[in-house]
Amino acid sequence: MPNITQTKPVSDFMSIDACEHDIFQAEVYRKLREAEIQAGSTTKRYTHNEIMTRLQGIIDGK
């Protein structure tokens, strides 16, 4: 039988919202790292305007 005094207090557990935030943040950092690796494999670079124009075309169905 476990000793109750040795268990982790409830206040030390992460809330679901905090856990979901940590998972989301880890996913963003992972994707940014993937983008850095991919960018390192080419010398082609895009300007902000090139990206935004292309995205707007996709949204507008062009």
N, C-alpha and C. Protein backbone atom coordinates (compact mmCIF):
# COMPACT_ATOMS: atom_id res chain seq x y z
N MET A 1 0.85 -1.18 0.00
CA MET A 1 0.00 0.00 0.00
C MET A 1 0.89 1.24 0.00
N PRO A 2 0.65 2.20 -0.93
CA PRO A 2 1.50 3.39 -1.00
C PRO A 2 1.30 4.30 0.20
N ASN A 3 2.36 5.00 0.52
CA ASN A 3 2.30 5.96 1.61
C ASN A 3 1.71 7.26 1.05
N ILE A 4 0.57 7.68 1.55
CA ILE A 4 -0.13 8.86 1.04
C ILE A 4 0.74 10.11 1.15
N THR A 5 1.56 10.22 2.13
CA THR A 5 2.38 11.42 2.31
C THR A 5 3.46 11.54 1.24
N GLN A 6 3.72 10.46 0.51
CA GLN A 6 4.74 10.49 -0.52
C GLN A 6 4.17 10.73 -1.92
N THR A 7 2.87 10.84 -2.04
CA THR A 7 2.28 11.08 -3.35
C THR A 7 2.35 12.56 -3.68
N LYS A 8 2.21 12.86 -4.95
CA LYS A 8 2.31 14.23 -5.43
C LYS A 8 1.05 15.01 -5.03
N PRO A 9 1.21 16.20 -4.48
CA PRO A 9 0.01 17.00 -4.13
C PRO A 9 -0.77 17.37 -5.38
N VAL A 10 -2.07 17.50 -5.25
CA VAL A 10 -2.93 17.82 -6.38
C VAL A 10 -2.50 19.13 -7.03
N SER A 11 -2.02 20.09 -6.26
CA SER A 11 -1.66 21.39 -6.80
C SER A 11 -0.47 21.32 -7.75
N ASP A 12 0.29 20.22 -7.72
CA ASP A 12 1.44 20.06 -8.60
C ASP A 12 1.06 19.52 -9.98
N PHE A 13 -0.17 19.10 -10.17
CA PHE A 13 -0.60 18.57 -11.46
C PHE A 13 -0.96 19.71 -12.39
N MET A 14 -0.67 19.54 -13.67
CA MET A 14 -0.94 20.55 -14.67
C MET A 14 -2.41 20.51 -15.08
N SER A 15 -3.01 21.66 -15.28
CA SER A 15 -4.39 21.70 -15.75
C SER A 15 -4.43 21.23 -17.21
N ILE A 16 -5.60 20.86 -17.66
CA ILE A 16 -5.76 20.42 -19.05
C ILE A 16 -5.41 21.56 -19.99
N ASP A 17 -5.85 22.77 -19.66
CA ASP A 17 -5.55 23.93 -20.51
C ASP A 17 -4.04 24.16 -20.60
N ALA A 18 -3.35 24.06 -19.48
CA ALA A 18 -1.90 24.26 -19.48
C ALA A 18 -1.21 23.16 -20.28
N CYS A 19 -1.70 21.95 -20.15
CA CYS A 19 -1.13 20.82 -20.90
C CYS A 19 -1.35 21.01 -22.40
N GLU A 20 -2.56 21.41 -22.79
CA GLU A 20 -2.85 21.64 -24.20
C GLU A 20 -1.99 22.79 -24.75
N HIS A 21 -1.78 23.82 -23.94
CA HIS A 21 -0.93 24.93 -24.35
C HIS A 21 0.50 24.45 -24.59
N ASP A 22 1.02 23.63 -23.68
CA ASP A 22 2.38 23.10 -23.84
C ASP A 22 2.50 22.23 -25.09
N ILE A 23 1.48 21.42 -25.35
CA ILE A 23 1.50 20.57 -26.54
C ILE A 23 1.47 21.43 -27.80
N PHE A 24 0.61 22.46 -27.81
CA PHE A 24 0.53 23.37 -28.95
C PHE A 24 1.87 24.07 -29.17
N GLN A 25 2.46 24.56 -28.10
CA GLN A 25 3.73 25.27 -28.20
C GLN A 25 4.83 24.35 -28.73
N ALA A 26 4.87 23.12 -28.28
CA ALA A 26 5.86 22.15 -28.76
C ALA A 26 5.66 21.88 -30.25
N GLU A 27 4.41 21.81 -30.68
CA GLU A 27 4.11 21.58 -32.10
C GLU A 27 4.60 22.75 -32.96
N VAL A 28 4.36 23.98 -32.48
CA VAL A 28 4.81 25.17 -33.22
C VAL A 28 6.34 25.15 -33.34
N TYR A 29 7.04 24.91 -32.24
CA TYR A 29 8.50 24.88 -32.28
C TYR A 29 9.02 23.77 -33.19
N ARG A 30 8.33 22.62 -33.19
CA ARG A 30 8.74 21.52 -34.07
C ARG A 30 8.60 21.92 -35.53
N LYS A 31 7.49 22.55 -35.86
CA LYS A 31 7.27 22.99 -37.25
C LYS A 31 8.25 24.09 -37.66
N LEU A 32 8.56 24.99 -36.73
CA LEU A 32 9.56 26.02 -37.03
C LEU A 32 10.93 25.39 -37.28
N ARG A 33 11.27 24.39 -36.50
CA ARG A 33 12.55 23.69 -36.69
C ARG A 33 12.58 22.99 -38.04
N GLU A 34 11.48 22.35 -38.41
CA GLU A 34 11.39 21.71 -39.73
C GLU A 34 11.59 22.73 -40.84
N ALA A 35 10.99 23.92 -40.67
CA ALA A 35 11.14 24.97 -41.68
C ALA A 35 12.58 25.46 -41.77
N GLU A 36 13.25 25.56 -40.63
CA GLU A 36 14.66 25.96 -40.63
C GLU A 36 15.52 24.94 -41.38
N ILE A 37 15.26 23.67 -41.15
CA ILE A 37 16.01 22.62 -41.82
C ILE A 37 15.74 22.67 -43.32
N GLN A 38 14.48 22.82 -43.69
CA GLN A 38 14.12 22.90 -45.11
C GLN A 38 14.75 24.14 -45.75
N ALA A 39 14.75 25.26 -45.07
CA ALA A 39 15.34 26.49 -45.61
C ALA A 39 16.84 26.33 -45.81
N GLY A 40 17.46 25.53 -44.98
CA GLY A 40 18.90 25.30 -45.10
C GLY A 40 19.27 24.48 -46.32
N SER A 41 18.29 23.84 -46.94
CA SER A 41 18.57 22.98 -48.09
C SER A 41 18.48 23.71 -49.43
N THR A 42 18.15 25.01 -49.40
CA THR A 42 18.01 25.78 -50.64
C THR A 42 18.43 27.23 -50.40
N THR A 43 18.75 27.92 -51.49
CA THR A 43 19.08 29.33 -51.38
C THR A 43 17.89 30.21 -51.76
N LYS A 44 16.80 29.60 -52.23
CA LYS A 44 15.61 30.36 -52.64
C LYS A 44 14.95 30.96 -51.40
N ARG A 45 14.65 32.25 -51.47
CA ARG A 45 13.96 32.93 -50.39
C ARG A 45 12.77 33.68 -50.96
N TYR A 46 11.73 33.84 -50.17
CA TYR A 46 10.52 34.52 -50.58
C TYR A 46 10.32 35.75 -49.71
N THR A 47 9.84 36.84 -50.32
CA THR A 47 9.53 38.03 -49.54
C THR A 47 8.16 37.87 -48.89
N HIS A 48 7.90 38.72 -47.95
CA HIS A 48 6.60 38.72 -47.28
C HIS A 48 5.49 38.95 -48.31
N ASN A 49 5.71 39.91 -49.21
CA ASN A 49 4.69 40.21 -50.23
C ASN A 49 4.43 39.03 -51.15
N GLU A 50 5.47 38.29 -51.53
CA GLU A 50 5.29 37.11 -52.38
C GLU A 50 4.41 36.07 -51.67
N ILE A 51 4.68 35.84 -50.42
CA ILE A 51 3.91 34.86 -49.65
C ILE A 51 2.47 35.31 -49.49
N MET A 52 2.27 36.57 -49.09
CA MET A 52 0.92 37.06 -48.85
C MET A 52 0.09 37.13 -50.14
N THR A 53 0.72 37.49 -51.25
CA THR A 53 0.01 37.52 -52.53
C THR A 53 -0.43 36.12 -52.93
N ARG A 54 0.46 35.16 -52.75
CA ARG A 54 0.11 33.77 -53.09
C ARG A 54 -1.01 33.25 -52.18
N LEU A 55 -0.92 33.52 -50.89
CA LEU A 55 -1.96 33.07 -49.97
C LEU A 55 -3.30 33.73 -50.28
N GLN A 56 -3.28 35.01 -50.60
CA GLN A 56 -4.53 35.69 -50.94
C GLN A 56 -5.14 35.10 -52.20
N GLY A 57 -4.30 34.74 -53.17
CA GLY A 57 -4.78 34.08 -54.38
C GLY A 57 -5.45 32.75 -54.06
N ILE A 58 -4.87 32.00 -53.14
CA ILE A 58 -5.45 30.72 -52.74
C ILE A 58 -6.81 30.95 -52.08
N ILE A 59 -6.87 31.94 -51.19
CA ILE A 59 -8.12 32.24 -50.49
C ILE A 59 -9.19 32.69 -51.48
N ASP A 60 -8.80 33.52 -52.44
CA ASP A 60 -9.75 34.03 -53.43
C ASP A 60 -10.08 33.01 -54.53
N GLY A 61 -9.38 31.89 -54.54
CA GLY A 61 -9.63 30.85 -55.53
C GLY A 61 -9.03 31.12 -56.88
N LYS A 62 -7.97 31.91 -56.91
CA LYS A 62 -7.32 32.25 -58.18
C LYS A 62 -6.22 31.26 -58.51
